Amino acid sequence: MKGSESEKQKLYYTIGEVSEMLNVNQSLLRYWETEFKTISPKRSPKGTRYYSQKDIEEIQLIQFLLKERKLKIEGAKQVLKNKRENAVRMKQAIDRLKSIRAELIDIIEELE
């Protein structure tokens, strides 16, 4: 319990933590960083990346566009440039629906 509370308080996450959190390879995160200039983690003097919550939210939006909406990199860039708010709202709606679905599945399993 204590570990989860401290993670919610963190301001920055390492690439390993973000990779695990979003279930993607670290190399993919580095690649997306080169393709999408809106991902800009801070770096230590040794080059260690530190992602803010804003960076993580941007990565989640990019992941949504590429993996769920099946856009190519250029298509995702266009959406982020021209229709960002629509994409954010769509991702939020889908996330809510997935959450509701999971709750309904839990309820069904309890009733069985």
Protein backbone atom coordinates (compact mmCIF):
# COMPACT_ATOMS: atom_id res chain seq x y z
CA MET A 1 0.00 0.00 0.00
CA LYS A 2 2.73 2.41 0.95
CA GLY A 3 4.54 1.85 -2.40
CA SER A 4 1.46 2.75 -4.44
CA GLU A 5 0.94 5.91 -2.40
CA SER A 6 4.51 7.08 -3.03
CA GLU A 7 4.19 6.36 -6.76
CA LYS A 8 1.16 8.64 -6.97
CA GLN A 9 3.28 11.39 -5.37
CA LYS A 10 6.19 11.10 -7.82
CA LEU A 11 6.93 14.03 -10.09
CA TYR A 12 9.22 12.12 -12.44
CA TYR A 13 9.50 8.53 -13.61
CA THR A 14 12.43 6.71 -15.20
CA ILE A 15 12.14 5.18 -18.64
CA GLY A 16 11.99 1.74 -17.00
CA GLU A 17 9.04 2.75 -14.85
CA VAL A 18 7.19 4.30 -17.79
CA SER A 19 7.95 1.27 -19.94
CA GLU A 20 6.48 -1.05 -17.31
CA MET A 21 3.54 1.26 -16.58
CA LEU A 22 2.49 1.40 -20.25
CA ASN A 23 3.63 -2.10 -21.21
CA VAL A 24 5.92 -0.93 -24.03
CA ASN A 25 9.62 -1.45 -24.70
CA GLN A 26 12.07 1.22 -23.63
CA SER A 27 13.39 1.32 -27.19
CA LEU A 28 9.90 2.18 -28.43
CA LEU A 29 9.69 5.05 -25.95
CA ARG A 30 13.04 6.37 -27.18
CA TYR A 31 11.85 6.06 -30.79
CA TRP A 32 8.59 7.90 -30.08
CA GLU A 33 10.62 10.61 -28.38
CA THR A 34 12.50 11.20 -31.66
CA GLU A 35 9.31 11.16 -33.73
CA PHE A 36 7.05 13.22 -31.46
CA LYS A 37 8.67 16.41 -30.22
CA THR A 38 5.92 16.81 -27.62
CA ILE A 39 7.58 14.06 -25.57
CA SER A 40 10.44 15.80 -23.82
CA PRO A 41 11.69 14.05 -20.70
CA LYS A 42 14.20 15.86 -18.53
CA ARG A 43 17.68 14.39 -18.54
CA SER A 44 20.24 13.97 -15.81
CA PRO A 45 23.85 14.91 -16.52
CA LYS A 46 24.44 11.20 -17.26
CA GLY A 47 21.57 11.18 -19.80
CA THR A 48 18.98 9.34 -17.71
CA ARG A 49 15.48 10.25 -18.88
CA TYR A 50 12.94 11.47 -16.33
CA TYR A 51 9.35 11.63 -17.56
CA SER A 52 6.82 14.00 -16.03
CA GLN A 53 3.13 13.20 -15.73
CA LYS A 54 2.58 15.46 -18.77
CA ASP A 55 5.07 13.36 -20.78
CA ILE A 56 3.33 10.16 -19.69
CA GLU A 57 -0.09 11.52 -20.71
CA GLU A 58 1.33 12.49 -24.11
CA ILE A 59 2.81 9.01 -24.55
CA GLN A 60 -0.54 7.46 -23.61
CA LEU A 61 -2.28 9.60 -26.24
CA ILE A 62 0.30 8.61 -28.87
CA GLN A 63 -0.03 4.96 -27.85
CA PHE A 64 -3.81 5.25 -28.21
CA LEU A 65 -3.53 6.78 -31.69
CA LEU A 66 -0.98 4.25 -32.92
CA LYS A 67 -2.17 1.05 -31.25
CA GLU A 68 -5.92 1.45 -30.85
CA ARG A 69 -6.79 3.82 -33.67
CA LYS A 70 -4.24 2.03 -35.91
CA LEU A 71 -2.77 5.26 -37.28
CA LYS A 72 0.70 5.43 -38.75
CA ILE A 73 3.25 7.85 -37.29
CA GLU A 74 2.44 10.59 -39.80
CA GLY A 75 -1.29 10.20 -39.23
CA ALA A 76 -0.82 10.45 -35.47
CA LYS A 77 1.31 13.59 -35.94
CA GLN A 78 -1.47 15.17 -38.02
CA VAL A 79 -4.10 14.34 -35.43
CA LEU A 80 -1.93 15.79 -32.65
CA LYS A 81 -1.35 18.92 -34.71
CA ASN A 82 -4.87 19.53 -36.00
CA LYS A 83 -7.33 17.56 -33.87
CA ARG A 84 -5.64 17.09 -30.50
CA GLU A 85 -8.71 17.93 -28.41
CA ASN A 86 -10.88 15.49 -30.35
CA ALA A 87 -8.29 12.75 -29.86
CA VAL A 88 -8.02 13.50 -26.13
CA ARG A 89 -11.81 13.38 -25.71
CA MET A 90 -12.05 10.15 -27.71
CA LYS A 91 -9.31 8.51 -25.60
CA GLN A 92 -11.01 9.64 -22.38
CA ALA A 93 -14.36 8.26 -23.55
CA ILE A 94 -12.84 4.92 -24.52
CA ASP A 95 -10.96 4.73 -21.21
CA ARG A 96 -14.22 5.35 -19.35
CA LEU A 97 -16.03 2.68 -21.37
CA LYS A 98 -13.24 0.17 -20.66
CA SER A 99 -13.49 0.98 -16.96
CA ILE A 100 -17.28 0.52 -16.99
CA ARG A 101 -16.87 -2.77 -18.87
CA ALA A 102 -14.38 -4.01 -16.27
CA GLU A 103 -16.78 -3.05 -13.46
CA LEU A 104 -19.65 -4.85 -15.18
CA ILE A 105 -17.53 -7.97 -15.63
CA ASP A 106 -16.67 -7.84 -11.91
CA ILE A 107 -20.36 -7.53 -11.02
CA ILE A 108 -21.29 -10.45 -13.26
CA GLU A 109 -18.56 -12.61 -11.74
CA GLU A 110 -19.79 -11.77 -8.22
CA LEU A 111 -23.34 -12.71 -9.15
CA GLU A 112 -22.36 -16.10 -10.58
